[in-house]
Protein backbone atom coordinates (compact mmCIF):
# COMPACT_ATOMS: atom_id res chain seq x y z
CA MET A 1 45.85 58.25 1.33
CA THR A 2 43.53 55.38 2.18
CA ILE A 3 43.47 53.53 5.48
CA ASN A 4 44.80 50.43 3.66
CA ALA A 5 47.74 52.42 2.25
CA TRP A 6 48.46 53.86 5.71
CA ALA A 7 48.40 50.38 7.29
CA LYS A 8 50.81 49.09 4.62
CA LYS A 9 53.14 52.08 5.19
CA TRP A 10 53.35 51.23 8.91
CA ASN A 11 53.38 47.44 8.42
CA ILE A 12 50.08 47.00 10.23
CA PRO A 13 48.83 43.47 9.58
CA ALA A 14 45.50 43.19 7.73
CA GLU A 15 44.09 41.21 10.68
CA ALA A 16 44.85 44.11 13.05
CA LEU A 17 43.28 46.63 10.69
CA ASN A 18 40.18 44.45 10.32
CA ASP A 19 39.93 44.12 14.10
CA LEU A 20 40.11 47.92 14.43
CA ARG A 21 37.29 48.27 11.88
CA ARG A 22 35.13 45.80 13.84
CA GLU A 23 35.79 47.63 17.11
CA LEU A 24 34.98 51.03 15.63
CA CYS A 25 31.77 49.74 14.04
CA ALA A 26 30.58 47.69 17.02
CA GLU A 27 28.62 50.52 18.63
CA ASN A 28 26.68 51.09 15.39
CA ASP A 29 25.78 47.45 14.78
CA ARG A 30 22.22 47.67 16.06
CA VAL A 31 19.38 48.77 13.81
CA TYR A 32 16.20 50.10 15.38
CA MET A 33 13.18 48.08 14.31
CA PRO A 34 9.82 49.32 15.55
CA PRO A 35 8.08 46.66 17.64
CA GLN A 36 4.88 46.93 15.59
CA SER A 37 6.62 46.49 12.21
CA ASN A 38 4.21 44.55 10.03
CA ILE A 39 6.35 42.37 7.78
CA PHE A 40 3.52 42.29 5.22
CA THR A 41 3.97 46.00 4.37
CA GLU A 42 6.76 47.78 2.51
CA ALA A 43 7.84 49.46 5.76
CA GLY A 44 7.98 46.10 7.53
CA ALA A 45 9.97 44.56 4.67
CA LEU A 46 12.37 47.53 4.76
CA ASN A 47 12.95 47.17 8.51
CA SER A 48 13.50 43.41 8.20
CA VAL A 49 16.11 43.94 5.45
CA ARG A 50 17.92 46.56 7.55
CA LEU A 51 18.00 44.13 10.47
CA GLU A 52 19.28 41.33 8.23
CA ALA A 53 21.96 43.66 6.86
CA SER A 54 23.16 44.49 10.34
CA GLU A 55 23.30 40.80 11.24
CA LYS A 56 25.47 40.19 8.14
CA GLY A 57 27.83 43.13 8.74
CA LEU A 58 26.42 45.48 6.09
CA ARG A 59 25.24 49.03 6.74
CA LEU A 60 22.06 50.26 5.07
CA TRP A 61 20.49 53.69 5.46
CA ARG A 62 17.11 55.02 4.40
CA ASN A 63 17.46 57.20 1.32
CA ASN A 64 14.53 59.59 1.43
CA ARG A 65 14.02 61.52 -1.78
CA GLY A 66 11.70 64.32 -2.66
CA ALA A 67 11.40 68.01 -3.37
CA GLY A 68 9.83 71.07 -1.77
CA LYS A 69 10.38 74.56 -0.45
CA ASP A 70 12.53 75.31 2.58
CA GLU A 71 11.77 77.94 5.23
CA TYR A 72 13.17 80.66 2.94
CA GLY A 73 11.01 79.72 -0.02
CA ASN A 74 13.87 78.08 -1.93
CA TYR A 75 12.91 74.99 -3.90
CA ILE A 76 15.21 72.12 -2.93
CA ARG A 77 15.56 68.47 -3.90
CA TRP A 78 16.95 65.71 -1.70
CA GLY A 79 17.96 62.09 -2.16
CA LEU A 80 20.48 60.49 -4.51
CA ALA A 81 20.07 61.03 -8.26
CA ASN A 82 17.34 63.62 -7.72
CA GLU A 83 18.98 66.63 -9.32
CA SER A 84 15.97 67.68 -11.39
CA LYS A 85 12.43 66.64 -12.25
CA ALA A 86 13.66 65.48 -15.66
CA VAL A 87 16.38 63.27 -14.10
CA ASN A 88 13.95 61.93 -11.49
CA GLU A 89 11.53 60.79 -14.18
CA VAL A 90 14.25 58.61 -15.74
CA ILE A 91 16.20 57.37 -12.70
CA LYS A 92 15.04 56.98 -9.09
CA SER A 93 17.49 56.00 -6.38
CA SER A 94 16.66 53.14 -4.05
CA ASP A 95 14.99 53.20 -0.64
CA LEU A 96 18.02 51.67 1.08
CA ILE A 97 21.60 52.65 0.30
CA GLY A 98 24.63 51.20 1.97
CA ILE A 99 27.91 49.36 1.92
CA ARG A 100 29.10 45.77 2.23
CA PRO A 101 32.65 45.08 3.44
CA ILE A 102 34.52 42.68 1.16
CA THR A 103 37.85 41.17 2.21
CA LEU A 104 40.33 40.81 -0.65
CA LEU A 105 42.87 38.01 -0.94
CA ASN A 106 45.59 40.27 0.52
CA GLY A 107 43.43 40.88 3.62
CA ALA A 108 42.48 44.46 2.70
CA ILE A 109 38.82 45.42 2.99
CA ILE A 110 36.97 47.39 0.35
CA GLY A 111 33.35 48.52 0.40
CA GLN A 112 30.79 47.46 -2.19
CA PHE A 113 27.90 49.85 -2.84
CA VAL A 114 24.54 48.24 -1.98
CA ALA A 115 21.08 49.45 -3.04
CA ARG A 116 17.69 47.91 -2.32
CA GLU A 117 14.44 49.22 -3.77
CA MET A 118 11.88 48.01 -1.26
CA LYS A 119 8.47 46.66 -2.20
CA ARG A 120 5.72 45.05 -0.18
CA PRO A 121 5.87 41.24 0.08
CA GLY A 122 4.14 39.64 -2.90
CA TRP A 123 4.92 42.58 -5.22
CA LYS A 124 5.61 41.78 -8.88
CA PHE A 125 7.26 44.04 -11.47
CA THR A 126 4.66 45.49 -13.86
CA GLY A 127 6.75 48.00 -15.79
CA THR A 128 5.21 51.23 -14.54
CA LYS A 129 7.09 54.47 -15.25
CA GLU A 130 8.23 54.62 -11.59
CA GLU A 131 9.35 50.97 -11.55
CA ASN A 132 11.33 51.47 -14.76
CA ALA A 133 13.05 54.57 -13.31
CA GLN A 134 13.91 52.53 -10.19
CA LEU A 135 15.17 49.69 -12.40
CA ASN A 136 17.40 52.16 -14.28
CA PHE A 137 19.13 53.07 -10.99
CA LEU A 138 19.53 49.40 -10.01
CA ARG A 139 21.02 48.55 -13.42
CA LEU A 140 23.45 51.47 -13.22
CA ILE A 141 24.72 50.42 -9.78
CA ALA A 142 25.04 46.76 -10.85
CA ALA A 143 26.89 47.74 -14.05
CA LEU A 144 29.47 49.58 -11.92
CA GLY A 145 30.06 46.57 -9.62
CA GLY A 146 27.53 47.34 -6.91
CA ASP A 147 24.87 45.03 -5.52
CA ALA A 148 21.45 46.41 -6.43
CA GLN A 149 18.01 44.86 -6.69
CA PHE A 150 14.35 45.06 -5.85
CA SER A 151 13.52 43.44 -2.50
CA THR A 152 10.35 42.31 -0.79
CA GLY A 153 12.02 41.42 2.51
CA ARG A 154 14.66 39.25 4.15
CA GLY A 155 16.81 37.05 1.97
CA SER A 156 17.84 39.66 -0.59
CA LEU A 157 21.33 40.34 0.81
């Protein structure tokens, strides 16, 4: 059962459910942005987009991806769409992954998947193997109704 179905079962108005969501999320509305964030770097652009997302009611998290050995010598992979080296060469998940609340006409709220592949300000697509693998992920998310794109800073949400 979803929270929307539960609210309908108990005749909870959409406005009350939306207010509850805002109250529950209020304590997580702030995003830490290092004071020395240089907006002219990829890290600075990433922090500025996370701050903008918070201001607009979205939630974005850093999606670290990589591979290596754990303390037991087991080889592990982490990050979305990073199941194998072969997969990772074709599709690379974005730096920021999150969700945007969208209010439907009936007042119910659904979440739209959001992905941003961060680049330094001034970056231009050149078609490298890595950029194409990142583009494959962005296209997949967009094809399924998500909001996914490359970003060089604020203004991409």
